[in-house]
Amino acid sequence: MLPNENGDLLVNIYQSVDNGAGAIDTFGKPRVAIRYGRAGRDGLPGPDADEILVYVGNGKDSYWATVAHIDVQDGVLTVDGETRYGDRGSERMPGLDSSSKWVRKPKGGPTGRSKKRNKGLGLDRYSGTCPK
């Protein structure tokens, strides 16, 4: 993601309902690298970028893990890499409220679902723009 305006980003991982709650643990000790900093020639974080490594375990039988909350203000990124989990057994994706606080089950947010039964789409709705 290349943020170019002030705001917040929430980085979530979804373990498909097809694999069962808590299935993230079956991959050993998965980790997510969040890199942020001044863009290099390719537009990605350059050699002076900072990185945090977030380990994800899922002993809470949740389908969702939030691995980072990134606050962007005037080109400065502040990254909170504390792992938080969605409600036990819930398919509702965690989100941010209007004051940028983490919410375990926001009303009206996307809900995970079986990719097998829904032509490869793991959420019931998507918003925003994905890179091509």
Protein backbone atom coordinates (compact mmCIF):
# COMPACT_ATOMS: atom_id res chain seq x y z
CA MET A 1 0.00 0.00 0.00
CA LEU A 2 1.26 3.44 -0.82
CA PRO A 3 -0.57 5.91 1.42
CA ASN A 4 -0.54 9.44 0.04
CA GLU A 5 -2.98 11.21 2.37
CA ASN A 6 -3.67 11.36 6.08
CA GLY A 7 -5.68 8.53 7.56
CA ASP A 8 -5.49 5.05 9.02
CA LEU A 9 -4.85 1.59 7.61
CA LEU A 10 -5.74 -1.65 9.34
CA VAL A 11 -3.89 -4.78 8.18
CA ASN A 12 -6.00 -7.90 8.75
CA ILE A 13 -5.39 -11.57 8.01
CA TYR A 14 -8.35 -13.83 7.33
CA GLN A 15 -8.14 -17.60 7.75
CA SER A 16 -10.94 -18.97 5.60
CA VAL A 17 -13.93 -20.59 7.24
CA ASP A 18 -13.18 -23.57 4.96
CA ASN A 19 -10.07 -24.28 7.07
CA GLY A 20 -11.74 -23.90 10.47
CA ALA A 21 -11.35 -21.45 13.33
CA GLY A 22 -7.80 -21.22 14.65
CA ALA A 23 -6.33 -22.78 11.49
CA ILE A 24 -3.61 -20.11 11.34
CA ASP A 25 -1.77 -22.20 13.97
CA THR A 26 -1.45 -25.12 11.54
CA PHE A 27 1.12 -23.11 9.58
CA GLY A 28 3.60 -23.17 12.47
CA LYS A 29 4.47 -19.66 13.60
CA PRO A 30 3.41 -17.41 10.71
CA ARG A 31 4.69 -13.85 10.58
CA VAL A 32 3.91 -10.69 8.67
CA ALA A 33 6.52 -8.08 7.74
CA ILE A 34 5.25 -4.49 7.62
CA ARG A 35 7.77 -2.21 5.82
CA TYR A 36 7.34 1.52 5.78
CA GLY A 37 9.48 4.49 4.82
CA ARG A 38 10.53 6.74 1.96
CA ALA A 39 9.77 5.20 -1.43
CA GLY A 40 12.60 3.92 -3.61
CA ARG A 41 12.72 4.02 -7.42
CA ASP A 42 10.17 1.21 -7.75
CA GLY A 43 7.69 3.02 -5.48
CA LEU A 44 8.11 0.49 -2.68
CA PRO A 45 9.83 1.27 0.64
CA GLY A 46 13.49 1.93 -0.08
CA PRO A 47 16.68 0.82 1.68
CA ASP A 48 16.14 3.22 4.60
CA ALA A 49 12.68 1.79 5.33
CA ASP A 50 11.73 0.58 8.78
CA GLU A 51 10.26 -2.86 9.30
CA ILE A 52 8.31 -4.57 12.02
CA LEU A 53 7.81 -8.32 12.09
CA VAL A 54 4.53 -9.47 13.64
CA TYR A 55 4.10 -13.08 14.73
CA VAL A 56 0.59 -14.46 14.43
CA GLY A 57 -0.66 -17.34 16.56
CA ASN A 58 -4.32 -18.04 16.87
CA GLY A 59 -5.12 -19.89 20.05
CA LYS A 60 -8.33 -17.85 20.32
CA ASP A 61 -10.20 -19.82 17.60
CA SER A 62 -10.69 -16.64 15.58
CA TYR A 63 -10.88 -16.39 11.80
CA TRP A 64 -9.33 -12.89 11.88
CA ALA A 65 -6.03 -11.48 13.12
CA THR A 66 -5.28 -7.75 12.98
CA VAL A 67 -1.51 -7.48 12.63
CA ALA A 68 -1.01 -3.74 12.28
CA HIS A 69 -2.73 -0.40 12.70
CA ILE A 70 -0.93 2.22 10.62
CA ASP A 71 -1.60 5.92 11.22
CA VAL A 72 -0.52 8.24 8.38
CA GLN A 73 -0.12 11.95 9.22
CA ASP A 74 1.67 14.34 6.86
CA GLY A 75 3.85 11.61 5.39
CA VAL A 76 4.80 10.13 8.77
CA LEU A 77 3.68 6.55 9.44
CA THR A 78 3.20 5.34 12.99
CA VAL A 79 2.79 1.56 13.14
CA ASP A 80 1.25 -0.38 16.02
CA GLY A 81 2.13 -4.04 15.47
CA GLU A 82 0.23 -5.54 18.38
CA THR A 83 -1.69 -8.60 17.17
CA ARG A 84 -5.40 -8.56 18.03
CA TYR A 85 -7.99 -11.19 17.19
CA GLY A 86 -11.60 -11.08 16.04
CA ASP A 87 -14.32 -12.60 18.20
CA ARG A 88 -14.04 -16.33 18.81
CA GLY A 89 -15.74 -18.10 15.90
CA SER A 90 -16.92 -14.83 14.31
CA GLU A 91 -16.69 -14.18 10.59
CA ARG A 92 -16.98 -10.38 10.97
CA MET A 93 -13.83 -8.51 9.93
CA PRO A 94 -12.28 -6.21 12.58
CA GLY A 95 -12.21 -2.52 11.66
CA LEU A 96 -11.69 1.02 12.90
CA ASP A 97 -14.35 3.32 14.32
CA SER A 98 -14.66 7.02 13.47
CA SER A 99 -12.01 7.89 16.09
CA SER A 100 -9.55 5.31 14.63
CA LYS A 101 -9.94 2.86 17.52
CA TRP A 102 -9.83 -0.88 16.79
CA VAL A 103 -13.24 -2.61 16.87
CA ARG A 104 -13.48 -6.40 17.12
CA LYS A 105 -16.84 -6.69 15.28
CA PRO A 106 -17.91 -3.43 13.59
CA LYS A 107 -21.52 -3.27 12.45
CA GLY A 108 -21.91 -3.20 8.70
CA GLY A 109 -18.35 -4.35 7.99
CA PRO A 110 -17.39 -7.20 5.64
CA THR A 111 -17.98 -10.78 6.75
CA GLY A 112 -15.84 -13.75 5.80
CA ARG A 113 -17.39 -16.72 4.06
CA SER A 114 -16.54 -19.96 2.29
CA LYS A 115 -14.46 -19.39 -0.84
CA LYS A 116 -15.43 -22.84 -2.10
CA ARG A 117 -19.12 -21.99 -2.06
CA ASN A 118 -18.73 -18.39 -3.33
CA LYS A 119 -16.61 -18.67 -6.49
CA GLY A 120 -13.34 -17.80 -4.74
CA LEU A 121 -14.61 -14.65 -2.97
CA GLY A 122 -13.77 -14.86 0.73
CA LEU A 123 -15.66 -11.73 1.84
CA ASP A 124 -19.31 -10.85 1.30
CA ARG A 125 -18.32 -7.37 0.07
CA TYR A 126 -15.20 -5.42 -0.80
CA SER A 127 -14.49 -1.70 -0.84
CA GLY A 128 -11.56 0.40 -1.88
CA THR A 129 -9.19 -0.13 -4.79
CA CYS A 130 -6.81 -3.07 -5.11
CA PRO A 131 -3.57 -2.72 -7.08
CA LYS A 132 -3.59 -4.29 -10.53
